[in-house]
Amino acid sequence: MAERTVPTPTDAHREHTRESTRSRGQYLRPAVDIYETHDALVMVADLPGVNKEDLDIRVADNVLTLQAKASHTSLGDVVHREFVIPGFYRQFELGEEIDQEKITAELKHGVLTVRLPKVEQAKPRRVQVEVK
């Protein structure tokens, strides 16, 4: 599974403003760990501040796309805010060994777990040896 992530704009394309790091089109690449089990790949991504309603996971043209909007919680009415949580965006190119129809995802306490099952042909199997 290869990663295809949104390219970072070069300095030549950035707007020259005082706080260019606060632009609206900016995304963070969530930290991701990928594990392989006997029958699947398991991807674990950190998405702090993300609710299920603000998470979009799609598979199209062999590309898995994670896009999420983080919510900012506060205890009262905001008077002034300097800290803005940008959204998350990351893409992964899926190989032929992934059964795209059986992909599942679970979000728990800001941690997303995506299970990418392998197709039957990609699962390792033991070959029996006959003695003659």
N, C-alpha and C. Protein backbone atom coordinates (compact mmCIF):
# COMPACT_ATOMS: atom_id res chain seq x y z
N MET A 1 0.85 -1.16 0.00
CA MET A 1 0.00 0.00 0.00
C MET A 1 0.91 1.23 0.00
N ALA A 2 0.84 2.00 -1.02
CA ALA A 2 1.67 3.19 -1.16
C ALA A 2 0.89 4.43 -0.77
N GLU A 3 1.61 5.40 -0.20
CA GLU A 3 0.95 6.62 0.22
C GLU A 3 0.92 7.63 -0.92
N ARG A 4 -0.24 8.27 -1.06
CA ARG A 4 -0.39 9.40 -1.98
C ARG A 4 -1.01 10.52 -1.18
N THR A 5 -0.23 11.49 -0.77
CA THR A 5 -0.71 12.55 0.10
C THR A 5 -0.79 13.86 -0.66
N VAL A 6 -1.63 14.74 -0.19
CA VAL A 6 -1.79 16.05 -0.80
C VAL A 6 -0.44 16.74 -0.82
N PRO A 7 0.00 17.24 -1.98
CA PRO A 7 1.30 17.92 -2.04
C PRO A 7 1.29 19.21 -1.25
N THR A 8 2.42 19.54 -0.66
CA THR A 8 2.57 20.77 0.08
C THR A 8 2.92 21.88 -0.90
N PRO A 9 2.23 23.02 -0.78
CA PRO A 9 2.53 24.11 -1.73
C PRO A 9 3.96 24.61 -1.53
N THR A 10 4.60 24.98 -2.61
CA THR A 10 5.95 25.53 -2.52
C THR A 10 5.87 26.98 -2.12
N ASP A 11 7.01 27.52 -1.71
CA ASP A 11 7.04 28.92 -1.27
C ASP A 11 6.58 29.87 -2.37
N ALA A 12 6.83 29.52 -3.62
CA ALA A 12 6.45 30.39 -4.72
C ALA A 12 4.94 30.50 -4.86
N HIS A 13 4.21 29.48 -4.41
CA HIS A 13 2.76 29.49 -4.55
C HIS A 13 2.03 29.98 -3.30
N ARG A 14 2.74 30.19 -2.21
CA ARG A 14 2.11 30.63 -0.97
C ARG A 14 1.78 32.12 -1.03
N GLU A 15 0.71 32.48 -0.36
CA GLU A 15 0.38 33.89 -0.24
C GLU A 15 1.34 34.52 0.75
N HIS A 16 1.76 35.71 0.48
CA HIS A 16 2.69 36.40 1.38
C HIS A 16 1.89 37.24 2.36
N THR A 17 1.49 36.58 3.44
CA THR A 17 0.75 37.26 4.50
C THR A 17 1.50 37.05 5.80
N ARG A 18 1.08 37.74 6.82
CA ARG A 18 1.77 37.63 8.11
C ARG A 18 1.64 36.23 8.70
N GLU A 19 0.47 35.65 8.60
CA GLU A 19 0.25 34.34 9.18
C GLU A 19 -0.17 33.36 8.10
N SER A 20 0.76 33.04 7.21
CA SER A 20 0.44 32.14 6.12
C SER A 20 0.16 30.72 6.61
N THR A 21 0.58 30.40 7.84
CA THR A 21 0.32 29.06 8.37
C THR A 21 -1.13 28.87 8.76
N ARG A 22 -1.91 29.91 8.77
CA ARG A 22 -3.31 29.83 9.18
C ARG A 22 -4.27 29.84 8.00
N SER A 23 -3.78 29.55 6.81
CA SER A 23 -4.65 29.59 5.64
C SER A 23 -5.75 28.54 5.73
N ARG A 24 -6.89 28.81 5.13
CA ARG A 24 -8.05 27.93 5.22
C ARG A 24 -7.88 26.61 4.50
N GLY A 25 -7.06 26.55 3.46
CA GLY A 25 -6.91 25.33 2.69
C GLY A 25 -5.85 24.39 3.22
N GLN A 26 -5.38 24.62 4.42
CA GLN A 26 -4.29 23.81 4.96
C GLN A 26 -4.82 22.56 5.65
N TYR A 27 -4.13 21.44 5.44
CA TYR A 27 -4.48 20.18 6.07
C TYR A 27 -3.27 19.62 6.79
N LEU A 28 -3.53 18.84 7.81
CA LEU A 28 -2.48 18.10 8.49
C LEU A 28 -2.49 16.66 8.00
N ARG A 29 -1.31 16.05 7.92
CA ARG A 29 -1.21 14.63 7.60
C ARG A 29 -1.25 13.86 8.92
N PRO A 30 -2.30 13.12 9.17
CA PRO A 30 -2.36 12.40 10.44
C PRO A 30 -1.27 11.33 10.52
N ALA A 31 -0.76 11.13 11.71
CA ALA A 31 0.22 10.06 11.94
C ALA A 31 -0.48 8.72 11.76
N VAL A 32 0.15 7.81 11.02
CA VAL A 32 -0.46 6.52 10.69
C VAL A 32 0.54 5.40 10.91
N ASP A 33 0.07 4.32 11.54
CA ASP A 33 0.82 3.08 11.64
C ASP A 33 0.07 2.02 10.86
N ILE A 34 0.79 1.16 10.12
CA ILE A 34 0.16 0.10 9.35
C ILE A 34 0.77 -1.22 9.76
N TYR A 35 -0.10 -2.15 10.12
CA TYR A 35 0.32 -3.48 10.55
C TYR A 35 -0.24 -4.52 9.59
N GLU A 36 0.49 -5.60 9.40
CA GLU A 36 0.00 -6.69 8.56
C GLU A 36 -0.28 -7.90 9.43
N THR A 37 -1.49 -8.44 9.29
CA THR A 37 -1.85 -9.68 9.95
C THR A 37 -1.98 -10.75 8.87
N HIS A 38 -2.34 -11.95 9.29
CA HIS A 38 -2.48 -13.06 8.35
C HIS A 38 -3.50 -12.77 7.24
N ASP A 39 -4.59 -12.10 7.61
CA ASP A 39 -5.67 -11.91 6.64
C ASP A 39 -6.00 -10.46 6.30
N ALA A 40 -5.22 -9.49 6.81
CA ALA A 40 -5.56 -8.09 6.54
C ALA A 40 -4.37 -7.16 6.82
N LEU A 41 -4.50 -5.94 6.33
CA LEU A 41 -3.65 -4.84 6.76
C LEU A 41 -4.50 -4.01 7.71
N VAL A 42 -3.91 -3.54 8.79
CA VAL A 42 -4.63 -2.73 9.77
C VAL A 42 -3.91 -1.39 9.86
N MET A 43 -4.67 -0.32 9.61
CA MET A 43 -4.12 1.02 9.65
C MET A 43 -4.70 1.74 10.85
N VAL A 44 -3.82 2.35 11.65
CA VAL A 44 -4.23 3.11 12.83
C VAL A 44 -3.77 4.54 12.63
N ALA A 45 -4.73 5.49 12.67
CA ALA A 45 -4.43 6.90 12.42
C ALA A 45 -4.89 7.75 13.61
N ASP A 46 -4.05 8.70 14.00
CA ASP A 46 -4.41 9.64 15.06
C ASP A 46 -5.18 10.80 14.47
N LEU A 47 -6.42 10.98 14.94
CA LEU A 47 -7.28 12.07 14.47
C LEU A 47 -7.88 12.78 15.69
N PRO A 48 -7.08 13.51 16.46
CA PRO A 48 -7.61 14.16 17.66
C PRO A 48 -8.65 15.22 17.32
N GLY A 49 -9.72 15.24 18.11
CA GLY A 49 -10.76 16.24 17.94
C GLY A 49 -11.75 15.94 16.83
N VAL A 50 -11.68 14.74 16.23
CA VAL A 50 -12.56 14.40 15.12
C VAL A 50 -13.73 13.55 15.62
N ASN A 51 -14.95 13.93 15.20
CA ASN A 51 -16.15 13.14 15.49
C ASN A 51 -16.49 12.29 14.28
N LYS A 52 -17.30 11.27 14.49
CA LYS A 52 -17.70 10.38 13.39
C LYS A 52 -18.38 11.15 12.26
N GLU A 53 -19.17 12.16 12.61
CA GLU A 53 -19.90 12.93 11.61
C GLU A 53 -18.97 13.75 10.72
N ASP A 54 -17.79 14.09 11.22
CA ASP A 54 -16.84 14.93 10.48
C ASP A 54 -15.75 14.13 9.79
N LEU A 55 -15.92 12.81 9.71
CA LEU A 55 -14.92 11.93 9.11
C LEU A 55 -15.46 11.36 7.80
N ASP A 56 -14.66 11.43 6.76
CA ASP A 56 -15.04 10.91 5.45
C ASP A 56 -13.94 9.98 4.97
N ILE A 57 -14.29 8.71 4.79
CA ILE A 57 -13.35 7.71 4.27
C ILE A 57 -13.93 7.19 2.97
N ARG A 58 -13.14 7.29 1.90
CA ARG A 58 -13.62 6.86 0.58
C ARG A 58 -12.57 6.01 -0.11
N VAL A 59 -13.06 5.12 -0.96
CA VAL A 59 -12.19 4.32 -1.83
C VAL A 59 -12.67 4.54 -3.25
N ALA A 60 -11.77 5.04 -4.10
CA ALA A 60 -12.09 5.26 -5.51
C ALA A 60 -10.81 5.11 -6.32
N ASP A 61 -10.90 4.38 -7.41
CA ASP A 61 -9.74 4.17 -8.30
C ASP A 61 -8.53 3.64 -7.54
N ASN A 62 -8.75 2.68 -6.66
CA ASN A 62 -7.70 2.04 -5.86
C ASN A 62 -6.98 3.01 -4.92
N VAL A 63 -7.65 4.09 -4.52
CA VAL A 63 -7.06 5.05 -3.59
C VAL A 63 -7.99 5.20 -2.39
N LEU A 64 -7.43 4.97 -1.20
CA LEU A 64 -8.16 5.17 0.05
C LEU A 64 -7.88 6.60 0.51
N THR A 65 -8.96 7.38 0.72
CA THR A 65 -8.82 8.77 1.12
C THR A 65 -9.42 8.96 2.50
N LEU A 66 -8.62 9.55 3.40
CA LEU A 66 -9.10 9.93 4.73
C LEU A 66 -9.19 11.45 4.76
N GLN A 67 -10.36 11.97 5.08
CA GLN A 67 -10.53 13.41 5.21
C GLN A 67 -11.38 13.65 6.45
N ALA A 68 -10.93 14.56 7.30
CA ALA A 68 -11.65 14.80 8.55
C ALA A 68 -11.52 16.26 8.96
N LYS A 69 -12.54 16.70 9.66
CA LYS A 69 -12.55 18.06 10.20
C LYS A 69 -12.55 17.93 11.72
N ALA A 70 -11.59 18.56 12.36
CA ALA A 70 -11.51 18.51 13.82
C ALA A 70 -12.41 19.57 14.43
N SER A 71 -13.04 19.22 15.53
CA SER A 71 -13.91 20.16 16.25
C SER A 71 -13.12 20.78 17.40
N HIS A 72 -13.36 22.05 17.60
CA HIS A 72 -12.70 22.77 18.69
C HIS A 72 -13.70 22.92 19.82
N THR A 73 -13.43 22.29 20.94
CA THR A 73 -14.34 22.39 22.08
C THR A 73 -13.87 23.47 23.04
N SER A 74 -14.80 24.21 23.57
CA SER A 74 -14.47 25.23 24.56
C SER A 74 -15.52 25.21 25.65
N LEU A 75 -15.13 25.70 26.81
CA LEU A 75 -16.03 25.67 27.96
C LEU A 75 -16.98 26.87 28.00
N GLY A 76 -16.73 27.85 27.17
CA GLY A 76 -17.58 29.04 27.17
C GLY A 76 -17.62 29.65 25.78
N ASP A 77 -18.10 30.90 25.71
CA ASP A 77 -18.15 31.62 24.45
C ASP A 77 -16.75 32.10 24.10
N VAL A 78 -16.37 31.93 22.85
CA VAL A 78 -15.04 32.33 22.41
C VAL A 78 -15.00 33.85 22.24
N VAL A 79 -14.05 34.48 22.90
CA VAL A 79 -13.88 35.92 22.79
C VAL A 79 -12.78 36.21 21.77
N HIS A 80 -11.71 35.43 21.81
CA HIS A 80 -10.59 35.60 20.89
C HIS A 80 -9.96 34.22 20.68
N ARG A 81 -9.64 33.90 19.45
CA ARG A 81 -9.05 32.58 19.17
C ARG A 81 -7.84 32.75 18.25
N GLU A 82 -6.70 32.23 18.68
CA GLU A 82 -5.49 32.22 17.86
C GLU A 82 -5.13 30.82 17.41
N PHE A 83 -5.67 29.83 18.07
CA PHE A 83 -5.36 28.44 17.75
C PHE A 83 -6.51 27.83 16.97
N VAL A 84 -6.24 27.42 15.76
CA VAL A 84 -7.25 26.79 14.91
C VAL A 84 -6.77 25.40 14.54
N ILE A 85 -7.63 24.41 14.71
CA ILE A 85 -7.26 23.05 14.35
C ILE A 85 -7.61 22.85 12.88
N PRO A 86 -6.60 22.64 12.04
CA PRO A 86 -6.91 22.41 10.62
C PRO A 86 -7.49 21.01 10.43
N GLY A 87 -8.00 20.76 9.25
CA GLY A 87 -8.52 19.44 8.95
C GLY A 87 -7.40 18.45 8.68
N PHE A 88 -7.77 17.20 8.54
CA PHE A 88 -6.81 16.13 8.24
C PHE A 88 -7.10 15.60 6.85
N TYR A 89 -6.03 15.24 6.13
CA TYR A 89 -6.20 14.69 4.79
C TYR A 89 -5.01 13.80 4.47
N ARG A 90 -5.31 12.59 4.00
CA ARG A 90 -4.24 11.68 3.59
C ARG A 90 -4.81 10.64 2.64
N GLN A 91 -4.00 10.24 1.67
CA GLN A 91 -4.42 9.24 0.69
C GLN A 91 -3.40 8.11 0.63
N PHE A 92 -3.93 6.91 0.36
CA PHE A 92 -3.09 5.72 0.22
C PHE A 92 -3.53 4.96 -1.02
N GLU A 93 -2.57 4.55 -1.81
CA GLU A 93 -2.88 3.75 -2.99
C GLU A 93 -2.94 2.28 -2.57
N LEU A 94 -4.05 1.64 -2.89
CA LEU A 94 -4.27 0.24 -2.50
C LEU A 94 -3.79 -0.69 -3.59
N GLY A 95 -3.21 -1.80 -3.19
CA GLY A 95 -2.78 -2.80 -4.14
C GLY A 95 -3.91 -3.77 -4.46
N GLU A 96 -3.63 -4.67 -5.37
CA GLU A 96 -4.63 -5.66 -5.79
C GLU A 96 -4.94 -6.68 -4.70
N GLU A 97 -4.08 -6.77 -3.69
CA GLU A 97 -4.30 -7.77 -2.64
C GLU A 97 -5.34 -7.36 -1.61
N ILE A 98 -5.89 -6.14 -1.72
CA ILE A 98 -6.90 -5.65 -0.77
C ILE A 98 -8.30 -5.87 -1.33
N ASP A 99 -9.17 -6.46 -0.52
CA ASP A 99 -10.58 -6.64 -0.89
C ASP A 99 -11.32 -5.35 -0.53
N GLN A 100 -11.46 -4.46 -1.49
CA GLN A 100 -12.00 -3.13 -1.24
C GLN A 100 -13.45 -3.13 -0.78
N GLU A 101 -14.21 -4.16 -1.09
CA GLU A 101 -15.61 -4.24 -0.69
C GLU A 101 -15.77 -4.54 0.80
N LYS A 102 -14.73 -5.05 1.45
CA LYS A 102 -14.84 -5.47 2.86
C LYS A 102 -14.06 -4.57 3.82
N ILE A 103 -13.66 -3.39 3.39
CA ILE A 103 -12.93 -2.47 4.26
C ILE A 103 -13.87 -1.96 5.35
N THR A 104 -13.39 -1.95 6.60
CA THR A 104 -14.18 -1.45 7.73
C THR A 104 -13.35 -0.43 8.50
N ALA A 105 -14.04 0.43 9.24
CA ALA A 105 -13.35 1.46 10.02
C ALA A 105 -14.05 1.67 11.35
N GLU A 106 -13.24 2.02 12.36
CA GLU A 106 -13.77 2.29 13.70
C GLU A 106 -13.04 3.51 14.26
N LEU A 107 -13.78 4.46 14.83
CA LEU A 107 -13.21 5.65 15.44
C LEU A 107 -13.51 5.60 16.93
N LYS A 108 -12.44 5.67 17.73
CA LYS A 108 -12.64 5.60 19.18
C LYS A 108 -11.63 6.53 19.85
N HIS A 109 -12.12 7.54 20.55
CA HIS A 109 -11.28 8.49 21.29
C HIS A 109 -10.21 9.13 20.41
N GLY A 110 -10.57 9.52 19.19
CA GLY A 110 -9.64 10.19 18.30
C GLY A 110 -8.66 9.28 17.58
N VAL A 111 -8.85 7.98 17.70
CA VAL A 111 -7.98 7.02 17.01
C VAL A 111 -8.83 6.24 16.01
N LEU A 112 -8.45 6.34 14.75
CA LEU A 112 -9.16 5.65 13.68
C LEU A 112 -8.44 4.35 13.35
N THR A 113 -9.18 3.25 13.34
CA THR A 113 -8.63 1.94 12.95
C THR A 113 -9.36 1.49 11.70
N VAL A 114 -8.61 1.32 10.61
CA VAL A 114 -9.17 0.87 9.34
C VAL A 114 -8.63 -0.53 9.06
N ARG A 115 -9.54 -1.46 8.84
CA ARG A 115 -9.17 -2.85 8.54
C ARG A 115 -9.33 -3.07 7.04
N LEU A 116 -8.22 -3.45 6.39
CA LEU A 116 -8.18 -3.66 4.95
C LEU A 116 -7.95 -5.15 4.69
N PRO A 117 -9.04 -5.94 4.55
CA PRO A 117 -8.88 -7.39 4.38
C PRO A 117 -8.22 -7.73 3.05
N LYS A 118 -7.43 -8.80 3.09
CA LYS A 118 -6.78 -9.29 1.87
C LYS A 118 -7.76 -10.17 1.10
N VAL A 119 -7.59 -10.19 -0.24
CA VAL A 119 -8.38 -11.12 -1.05
C VAL A 119 -7.85 -12.53 -0.78
N GLU A 120 -8.67 -13.52 -1.04
CA GLU A 120 -8.29 -14.90 -0.73
C GLU A 120 -6.98 -15.32 -1.39
N GLN A 121 -6.74 -14.87 -2.63
CA GLN A 121 -5.52 -15.26 -3.33
C GLN A 121 -4.28 -14.67 -2.68
N ALA A 122 -4.40 -13.57 -1.98
CA ALA A 122 -3.25 -12.91 -1.37
C ALA A 122 -2.90 -13.46 0.01
N LYS A 123 -3.81 -14.22 0.61
CA LYS A 123 -3.55 -14.76 1.93
C LYS A 123 -2.53 -15.89 1.84
N PRO A 124 -1.58 -15.90 2.73
CA PRO A 124 -0.61 -17.01 2.69
C PRO A 124 -1.30 -18.32 3.06
N ARG A 125 -0.86 -19.37 2.43
CA ARG A 125 -1.43 -20.68 2.76
C ARG A 125 -0.30 -21.69 2.82
N ARG A 126 -0.55 -22.72 3.56
CA ARG A 126 0.45 -23.77 3.72
C ARG A 126 0.25 -24.81 2.63
N VAL A 127 1.34 -25.24 2.02
CA VAL A 127 1.29 -26.25 0.97
C VAL A 127 1.64 -27.59 1.61
N GLN A 128 0.76 -28.55 1.37
CA GLN A 128 0.97 -29.90 1.91
C GLN A 128 1.98 -30.64 1.04
N VAL A 129 2.88 -31.34 1.69
CA VAL A 129 3.89 -32.11 0.99
C VAL A 129 3.53 -33.58 1.11
N GLU A 130 3.50 -34.25 -0.03
CA GLU A 130 3.20 -35.67 -0.04
C GLU A 130 4.52 -36.47 -0.09
N VAL A 131 4.53 -37.58 0.63
CA VAL A 131 5.67 -38.46 0.61
C VAL A 131 5.30 -39.68 -0.18
N LYS A 132 6.08 -40.05 -1.18
CA LYS A 132 5.78 -41.22 -2.01
C LYS A 132 6.87 -42.24 -1.91
